[in-house]
Amino acid sequence: MLIRLIGLVTIEHEGLAPLHVSGGQAQTVLARLVLERESGTVRENLADTLWPEGLPDTWASALRGVVSRVRAHLANPLQRPGETPLVSQSGRYLLRLPEGAAVDVEAAERAVVQAEAALADGGHATAQQLSAGAVAQLRGSFLPAQEGEWAGGVRERLEDLRLRALELASLSAAGLGEEHPALRYAEEAVRHAPLRESAHRCRMTAHAAAGNRADALRAYHRLREVLAEELGIDPAAETQAAYLELLRSGRPAVPRRRPAACRTGGTVLDPVLLGAFEALPRPSGSPPRRVG
């Protein structure tokens, strides 16, 4: 089972066409129940997420109706009659996904964490696979039409995660000597977060790794100008150190390249992550099923 919460919200069972969860309220309820399934979701909190401007008089029955639709979406064709992964207990909704179920948001987060460990250990190829897969997965939007504190907070966390993935993809590509992807990922990070110094350092590293010392120095000076104009501050000590290293040796420190390993920290990497978040097998020619 694979649940996608970014972009088109779908539930995928192996060997079946993906089920598209239609309706903004059903998508929002599914997303919160999935992301909070370890502890369960308080009924009132779920209602506040659906109606951030204030609860309607009939919110309790309206919420039950939305939850009922989500329960129908989650039904596995192979489960026994009467079984349900979603139950109400002591004022909370509890979701129990089957063993081996994957969620795109969580897979992307695991990939970024493992990519950071791989890069620190010199495993550039592994870091590149994981971070590039996370970048591809995180390019969609998370519940773009849903307002409120909860949805906005998740979007902020995912945007930070995407920036981390872009920077890792850039640095690992630079370590592998792949200059064009290194610069492309760095430029994308800078576009999304023009005041984020770590993204600018990635751009400096990418230019320097390609042998473009002058462009790397210009990237630093552009950052310094932006920070002065927007925030009235100088670059951080780490950024200034990278600049001084450029002046001294012509290139900032780039992670050393070592033979790629299939393990990081002694843990076998999840093939779902190494496969760049490929969907579960889908019958050929089968478009997403739509359930309203």
Foldseek 3Di string as FASTA:
>chain_A
DEFEQFAFTWDDDFAAFIAGEDDLLLSLLVVVQVVCQVPFAAPVVSLCQQPVVDHDPPSVVVSVVSVVLNQVRLDDPPDDPPDTQWDDDPRGIHGDDDPPYYYLLVLLLVLLVLLVLCLVVQQLVSSLLQLVLSLVSLPGHGSVVGDDDVSVVVRVVSLVSNLSSLLSNLLSCLQVLNLPSNQVSLVVSCVSPVLDVSSLLSNLQSCQSPVNLVVSLVSQVVNQVCCCVPPNDGDDPVSVVQNVVCVVPVHGDGRHHDHHDCDGPNDGDDVCSSVSNDDRDYPPPRHHHYDD
